[in-house]
N, C-alpha and C. Protein backbone atom coordinates (compact mmCIF):
# COMPACT_ATOMS: atom_id res chain seq x y z
N MET A 1 5.68 13.09 -76.13
CA MET A 1 4.43 13.30 -75.44
C MET A 1 4.50 13.17 -73.93
N PRO A 2 3.80 13.98 -73.17
CA PRO A 2 3.83 13.85 -71.77
C PRO A 2 3.33 12.50 -71.31
N PHE A 3 3.70 12.07 -70.06
CA PHE A 3 3.25 10.87 -69.48
C PHE A 3 1.71 10.73 -69.54
N GLY A 4 1.23 9.58 -70.07
CA GLY A 4 -0.18 9.33 -70.01
C GLY A 4 -0.94 9.75 -71.15
N LEU A 5 -0.34 10.55 -72.05
CA LEU A 5 -1.16 11.13 -73.15
C LEU A 5 -1.08 10.33 -74.42
N ASN A 6 -0.48 9.18 -74.33
CA ASN A 6 -0.45 8.46 -75.67
C ASN A 6 -1.84 7.85 -76.00
N ASN A 7 -2.25 8.13 -77.24
CA ASN A 7 -3.52 7.66 -77.80
C ASN A 7 -4.72 8.07 -76.95
N THR A 8 -4.71 9.05 -76.21
CA THR A 8 -5.81 9.50 -75.46
C THR A 8 -6.48 10.83 -75.95
N ILE A 9 -5.67 11.54 -76.75
CA ILE A 9 -6.28 12.79 -77.29
C ILE A 9 -7.16 12.49 -78.54
N THR A 10 -8.36 12.31 -78.26
CA THR A 10 -9.34 12.10 -79.36
C THR A 10 -10.42 13.21 -79.24
N LEU A 11 -11.16 13.45 -80.37
CA LEU A 11 -12.22 14.42 -80.38
C LEU A 11 -13.30 14.11 -79.26
N GLU A 12 -13.52 12.82 -79.06
CA GLU A 12 -14.55 12.39 -78.12
C GLU A 12 -14.07 12.83 -76.67
N ASN A 13 -12.80 12.52 -76.35
CA ASN A 13 -12.28 12.80 -75.06
C ASN A 13 -12.21 14.35 -74.77
N ILE A 14 -11.79 15.04 -75.88
CA ILE A 14 -11.71 16.48 -75.67
C ILE A 14 -13.11 17.05 -75.49
N SER A 15 -14.13 16.56 -76.20
CA SER A 15 -15.54 17.03 -75.97
C SER A 15 -15.98 16.64 -74.58
N ILE A 16 -15.65 15.47 -74.06
CA ILE A 16 -15.95 15.15 -72.67
C ILE A 16 -15.44 16.07 -71.69
N ILE A 17 -14.21 16.36 -71.86
CA ILE A 17 -13.49 17.29 -70.94
C ILE A 17 -13.89 18.73 -70.98
N ALA A 18 -14.21 19.18 -72.26
CA ALA A 18 -14.64 20.56 -72.49
C ALA A 18 -16.04 20.82 -72.07
N ASN A 19 -16.96 19.85 -72.06
CA ASN A 19 -18.33 20.06 -71.75
C ASN A 19 -18.52 19.88 -70.22
N VAL A 20 -18.14 20.75 -69.43
CA VAL A 20 -18.23 20.63 -68.00
C VAL A 20 -19.02 21.86 -67.45
N THR A 21 -19.61 21.60 -66.25
CA THR A 21 -20.31 22.66 -65.56
C THR A 21 -19.69 23.08 -64.32
N GLU A 22 -18.85 22.25 -63.67
CA GLU A 22 -18.18 22.45 -62.40
C GLU A 22 -16.76 22.20 -62.43
N PHE A 23 -16.00 22.83 -61.62
CA PHE A 23 -14.52 22.60 -61.66
C PHE A 23 -14.21 21.15 -61.22
N PRO A 24 -14.79 20.58 -60.16
CA PRO A 24 -14.46 19.17 -59.79
C PRO A 24 -14.74 18.24 -61.03
N GLU A 25 -15.74 18.51 -61.80
CA GLU A 25 -16.04 17.71 -62.90
C GLU A 25 -14.79 17.78 -63.92
N PHE A 26 -14.28 18.98 -64.15
CA PHE A 26 -13.21 19.20 -65.03
C PHE A 26 -11.95 18.43 -64.51
N MET A 27 -11.74 18.50 -63.24
CA MET A 27 -10.55 17.84 -62.57
C MET A 27 -10.59 16.34 -62.87
N ILE A 28 -11.74 15.80 -62.56
CA ILE A 28 -11.96 14.36 -62.69
C ILE A 28 -11.86 13.89 -64.16
N ASN A 29 -12.45 14.72 -65.07
CA ASN A 29 -12.43 14.32 -66.47
C ASN A 29 -10.97 14.28 -67.04
N VAL A 30 -10.18 15.31 -66.66
CA VAL A 30 -8.81 15.36 -67.15
C VAL A 30 -8.02 14.25 -66.59
N ASN A 31 -8.26 13.89 -65.25
CA ASN A 31 -7.58 12.78 -64.67
C ASN A 31 -7.98 11.46 -65.30
N GLU A 32 -9.21 11.31 -65.56
CA GLU A 32 -9.73 10.00 -66.01
C GLU A 32 -9.48 9.79 -67.49
N TYR A 33 -9.78 10.80 -68.34
CA TYR A 33 -9.73 10.62 -69.75
C TYR A 33 -8.31 10.85 -70.39
N MET A 34 -7.54 11.72 -69.73
CA MET A 34 -6.22 11.98 -70.32
C MET A 34 -5.12 11.25 -69.63
N TYR A 35 -5.24 11.03 -68.35
CA TYR A 35 -4.11 10.34 -67.62
C TYR A 35 -4.49 9.07 -66.96
N HIS A 36 -5.56 8.46 -67.32
CA HIS A 36 -6.07 7.20 -66.87
C HIS A 36 -6.11 7.05 -65.44
N GLY A 37 -6.43 8.15 -64.64
CA GLY A 37 -6.57 8.06 -63.18
C GLY A 37 -5.35 8.28 -62.37
N TYR A 38 -4.22 8.54 -62.99
CA TYR A 38 -3.00 8.61 -62.22
C TYR A 38 -2.39 10.06 -62.02
N LEU A 39 -3.00 10.99 -62.61
CA LEU A 39 -2.39 12.34 -62.50
C LEU A 39 -2.36 12.89 -61.08
N TYR A 40 -3.52 12.82 -60.38
CA TYR A 40 -3.48 13.29 -59.04
C TYR A 40 -2.74 12.47 -57.96
N PHE A 41 -2.74 11.15 -58.26
CA PHE A 41 -1.91 10.31 -57.41
C PHE A 41 -0.44 10.75 -57.51
N ILE A 42 0.00 10.92 -58.68
CA ILE A 42 1.41 11.35 -58.89
C ILE A 42 1.62 12.76 -58.28
N LEU A 43 0.68 13.65 -58.35
CA LEU A 43 0.83 14.92 -57.70
C LEU A 43 0.91 14.80 -56.23
N PHE A 44 0.06 13.88 -55.60
CA PHE A 44 0.11 13.71 -54.16
C PHE A 44 1.50 13.11 -53.70
N VAL A 45 1.91 12.14 -54.48
CA VAL A 45 3.25 11.61 -54.21
C VAL A 45 4.33 12.71 -54.19
N ALA A 46 4.17 13.59 -55.18
CA ALA A 46 5.20 14.73 -55.25
C ALA A 46 5.07 15.65 -54.06
N MET A 47 3.80 15.90 -53.63
CA MET A 47 3.54 16.71 -52.39
C MET A 47 4.11 15.95 -51.19
N TRP A 48 4.09 14.65 -51.13
CA TRP A 48 4.54 13.88 -49.97
C TRP A 48 6.10 14.17 -49.91
N LEU A 49 6.72 13.98 -51.13
CA LEU A 49 8.22 14.25 -51.16
C LEU A 49 8.53 15.68 -50.75
N ILE A 50 7.84 16.63 -51.29
CA ILE A 50 8.13 17.96 -50.98
C ILE A 50 7.98 18.19 -49.50
N GLY A 51 6.94 17.53 -48.88
CA GLY A 51 6.73 17.68 -47.34
C GLY A 51 7.93 17.13 -46.62
N ILE A 52 8.46 15.94 -47.09
CA ILE A 52 9.59 15.38 -46.44
C ILE A 52 10.81 16.41 -46.54
N LEU A 53 10.95 17.02 -47.69
CA LEU A 53 12.09 17.90 -47.85
C LEU A 53 11.99 19.15 -47.01
N ILE A 54 10.72 19.67 -46.86
CA ILE A 54 10.55 20.79 -45.96
C ILE A 54 10.81 20.47 -44.59
N LEU A 55 10.36 19.32 -44.10
CA LEU A 55 10.57 18.80 -42.75
C LEU A 55 12.09 18.61 -42.46
N GLN A 56 12.76 18.15 -43.46
CA GLN A 56 14.26 17.90 -43.35
C GLN A 56 14.93 19.13 -43.12
N GLU A 57 14.51 20.23 -43.60
CA GLU A 57 15.21 21.54 -43.29
C GLU A 57 15.01 21.90 -41.80
N LEU A 58 13.94 21.44 -41.24
CA LEU A 58 13.76 21.77 -39.75
C LEU A 58 14.44 20.91 -38.84
N GLU A 59 14.44 19.59 -39.14
CA GLU A 59 15.07 18.56 -38.32
C GLU A 59 15.53 17.45 -39.21
N ASP A 60 16.82 16.93 -39.01
CA ASP A 60 17.38 15.95 -39.88
C ASP A 60 17.04 14.49 -39.38
N GLN A 61 15.73 14.14 -39.51
CA GLN A 61 15.32 12.79 -39.09
C GLN A 61 14.41 12.26 -40.29
N ILE A 62 15.03 11.54 -41.19
CA ILE A 62 14.33 11.20 -42.40
C ILE A 62 13.11 10.32 -42.14
N LEU A 63 13.27 9.34 -41.21
CA LEU A 63 12.05 8.40 -40.96
C LEU A 63 10.94 9.18 -40.29
N THR A 64 11.32 10.02 -39.32
CA THR A 64 10.34 10.75 -38.58
C THR A 64 9.59 11.77 -39.62
N ASN A 65 10.37 12.37 -40.43
CA ASN A 65 9.81 13.36 -41.40
C ASN A 65 8.87 12.69 -42.44
N ALA A 66 9.31 11.46 -42.84
CA ALA A 66 8.51 10.70 -43.80
C ALA A 66 7.17 10.25 -43.21
N PHE A 67 7.28 9.91 -41.88
CA PHE A 67 6.13 9.53 -41.14
C PHE A 67 5.08 10.68 -41.02
N ILE A 68 5.56 11.84 -40.71
CA ILE A 68 4.73 13.05 -40.42
C ILE A 68 4.15 13.44 -41.76
N SER A 69 4.96 13.45 -42.74
CA SER A 69 4.50 13.83 -44.15
C SER A 69 3.43 12.86 -44.67
N SER A 70 3.65 11.61 -44.44
CA SER A 70 2.63 10.56 -44.95
C SER A 70 1.39 10.70 -44.09
N GLY A 71 1.47 11.02 -42.80
CA GLY A 71 0.28 11.21 -42.03
C GLY A 71 -0.57 12.40 -42.56
N ILE A 72 0.11 13.54 -42.79
CA ILE A 72 -0.55 14.67 -43.35
C ILE A 72 -1.19 14.37 -44.68
N MET A 73 -0.43 13.73 -45.58
CA MET A 73 -0.91 13.32 -46.89
C MET A 73 -2.12 12.35 -46.76
N SER A 74 -2.13 11.46 -45.76
CA SER A 74 -3.25 10.56 -45.60
C SER A 74 -4.56 11.33 -45.37
N VAL A 75 -4.50 12.41 -44.65
CA VAL A 75 -5.66 13.26 -44.43
C VAL A 75 -6.05 13.96 -45.67
N ILE A 76 -5.07 14.55 -46.42
CA ILE A 76 -5.42 15.28 -47.60
C ILE A 76 -5.94 14.38 -48.68
N VAL A 77 -5.41 13.20 -48.87
CA VAL A 77 -5.87 12.23 -49.80
C VAL A 77 -7.28 11.75 -49.46
N PHE A 78 -7.53 11.54 -48.18
CA PHE A 78 -8.89 11.16 -47.72
C PHE A 78 -9.88 12.10 -48.06
N ILE A 79 -9.57 13.34 -47.93
CA ILE A 79 -10.51 14.48 -48.26
C ILE A 79 -10.70 14.51 -49.82
N ALA A 80 -9.61 14.27 -50.56
CA ALA A 80 -9.59 14.41 -52.00
C ALA A 80 -10.43 13.26 -52.53
N ARG A 81 -10.44 12.13 -51.87
CA ARG A 81 -11.29 10.94 -52.39
C ARG A 81 -12.73 11.25 -52.34
N ALA A 82 -13.22 12.21 -51.52
CA ALA A 82 -14.58 12.53 -51.57
C ALA A 82 -15.08 13.31 -52.85
N ILE A 83 -14.14 13.84 -53.54
CA ILE A 83 -14.48 14.44 -54.83
C ILE A 83 -14.87 13.46 -55.79
N GLU A 84 -16.14 13.49 -56.23
CA GLU A 84 -16.65 12.55 -57.29
C GLU A 84 -17.56 13.22 -58.18
N TYR A 85 -17.81 12.49 -59.34
CA TYR A 85 -18.66 13.08 -60.39
C TYR A 85 -19.26 11.89 -61.01
N THR A 86 -20.59 11.98 -61.36
CA THR A 86 -21.36 10.89 -62.03
C THR A 86 -21.58 11.34 -63.44
N SER A 87 -21.13 10.53 -64.40
CA SER A 87 -21.28 10.84 -65.83
C SER A 87 -21.90 9.59 -66.47
N ASN A 88 -22.98 9.68 -67.11
CA ASN A 88 -23.64 8.61 -67.84
C ASN A 88 -23.87 7.35 -67.02
N GLY A 89 -24.16 7.55 -65.69
CA GLY A 89 -24.39 6.46 -64.76
C GLY A 89 -23.15 5.86 -64.26
N LYS A 90 -22.01 6.44 -64.50
CA LYS A 90 -20.75 5.97 -64.07
C LYS A 90 -20.10 7.01 -63.09
N THR A 91 -19.86 6.58 -61.88
CA THR A 91 -19.28 7.50 -60.89
C THR A 91 -17.74 7.48 -61.03
N LEU A 92 -17.14 8.63 -61.28
CA LEU A 92 -15.74 8.82 -61.29
C LEU A 92 -15.22 9.51 -60.16
N TYR A 93 -14.11 9.14 -59.64
CA TYR A 93 -13.53 9.67 -58.41
C TYR A 93 -12.17 10.29 -58.76
N LEU A 94 -11.70 11.28 -57.94
CA LEU A 94 -10.44 11.92 -58.11
C LEU A 94 -9.35 10.91 -57.90
N LEU A 95 -9.53 10.01 -56.94
CA LEU A 95 -8.54 8.97 -56.59
C LEU A 95 -9.27 7.71 -56.50
N THR A 96 -8.63 6.55 -56.76
CA THR A 96 -9.34 5.23 -56.61
C THR A 96 -9.10 4.81 -55.13
N ASP A 97 -9.76 3.68 -54.89
CA ASP A 97 -9.66 3.15 -53.50
C ASP A 97 -8.17 2.67 -53.24
N TYR A 98 -7.57 2.08 -54.17
CA TYR A 98 -6.20 1.64 -54.09
C TYR A 98 -5.17 2.79 -53.83
N GLN A 99 -5.43 3.90 -54.54
CA GLN A 99 -4.56 5.09 -54.42
C GLN A 99 -4.81 5.65 -53.03
N LEU A 100 -6.02 5.58 -52.51
CA LEU A 100 -6.36 6.13 -51.18
C LEU A 100 -5.54 5.59 -50.11
N TRP A 101 -5.38 4.21 -50.03
CA TRP A 101 -4.77 3.60 -48.96
C TRP A 101 -3.19 3.55 -49.02
N VAL A 102 -2.61 4.04 -50.11
CA VAL A 102 -1.16 4.04 -50.17
C VAL A 102 -0.50 4.80 -49.02
N PHE A 103 -1.03 6.05 -48.87
CA PHE A 103 -0.33 6.91 -47.80
C PHE A 103 -0.71 6.42 -46.42
N ALA A 104 -1.81 5.89 -46.26
CA ALA A 104 -2.18 5.39 -44.89
C ALA A 104 -1.31 4.17 -44.55
N LEU A 105 -1.08 3.25 -45.49
CA LEU A 105 -0.20 2.13 -45.31
C LEU A 105 1.24 2.60 -45.05
N MET A 106 1.66 3.60 -45.80
CA MET A 106 2.98 4.13 -45.52
C MET A 106 3.08 4.68 -44.10
N THR A 107 2.09 5.37 -43.61
CA THR A 107 2.14 5.90 -42.29
C THR A 107 2.17 4.74 -41.23
N ILE A 108 1.43 3.75 -41.51
CA ILE A 108 1.42 2.55 -40.59
C ILE A 108 2.78 1.92 -40.58
N ILE A 109 3.36 1.67 -41.76
CA ILE A 109 4.61 1.06 -41.86
C ILE A 109 5.73 1.86 -41.22
N LEU A 110 5.77 3.18 -41.56
CA LEU A 110 6.81 4.11 -41.00
C LEU A 110 6.68 4.16 -39.53
N GLY A 111 5.40 4.25 -39.01
CA GLY A 111 5.17 4.34 -37.54
C GLY A 111 5.66 3.06 -36.89
N GLY A 112 5.47 1.89 -37.53
CA GLY A 112 6.01 0.67 -36.95
C GLY A 112 7.50 0.63 -36.93
N ILE A 113 8.12 1.16 -38.00
CA ILE A 113 9.63 1.11 -38.00
C ILE A 113 10.11 2.16 -36.96
N LEU A 114 9.49 3.31 -36.85
CA LEU A 114 9.92 4.26 -35.78
C LEU A 114 9.74 3.71 -34.36
N TRP A 115 8.60 3.02 -34.11
CA TRP A 115 8.38 2.41 -32.87
C TRP A 115 9.40 1.34 -32.60
N ALA A 116 9.71 0.52 -33.59
CA ALA A 116 10.62 -0.69 -33.34
C ALA A 116 12.06 -0.17 -33.17
N THR A 117 12.47 0.98 -33.70
CA THR A 117 13.78 1.43 -33.60
C THR A 117 13.98 2.55 -32.55
N LYS A 118 12.94 2.87 -31.85
CA LYS A 118 13.15 3.96 -30.82
C LYS A 118 14.13 3.49 -29.70
N GLU A 119 14.67 4.49 -29.13
CA GLU A 119 15.66 4.19 -28.03
C GLU A 119 14.95 3.94 -26.78
N LYS A 120 15.46 2.97 -25.96
CA LYS A 120 14.82 2.66 -24.70
C LYS A 120 15.02 3.83 -23.77
N GLY A 121 13.99 4.11 -23.00
CA GLY A 121 14.13 5.24 -21.97
C GLY A 121 14.12 6.56 -22.49
N ALA A 122 13.88 6.77 -23.76
CA ALA A 122 13.91 8.14 -24.31
C ALA A 122 12.50 8.68 -24.38
């Protein structure tokens, strides 16, 4: 079975996922009921790694590229956090608050490392 799908494929979950009226509602339902809220976080981490690899082809500076990629992903994740859906009085989000701050903290930490290791007079 794929990651996250153990014991989550029930008739109730399938009916919740299938009875949608909007695409964001479908995205959030699949994320919440099939992958327990981790699907899009894993996809964003994969996009962060792909961003690093693309930037590595342009310039061979792994810390700088990770910093730039995490900064870009921080903005994308912040926008994705705004996607929400309310079902039966419960508000579901595409990403949780904890997942939102991962890329921002990586940007701050990598920025601090880059600042601490920069060459004097450069």
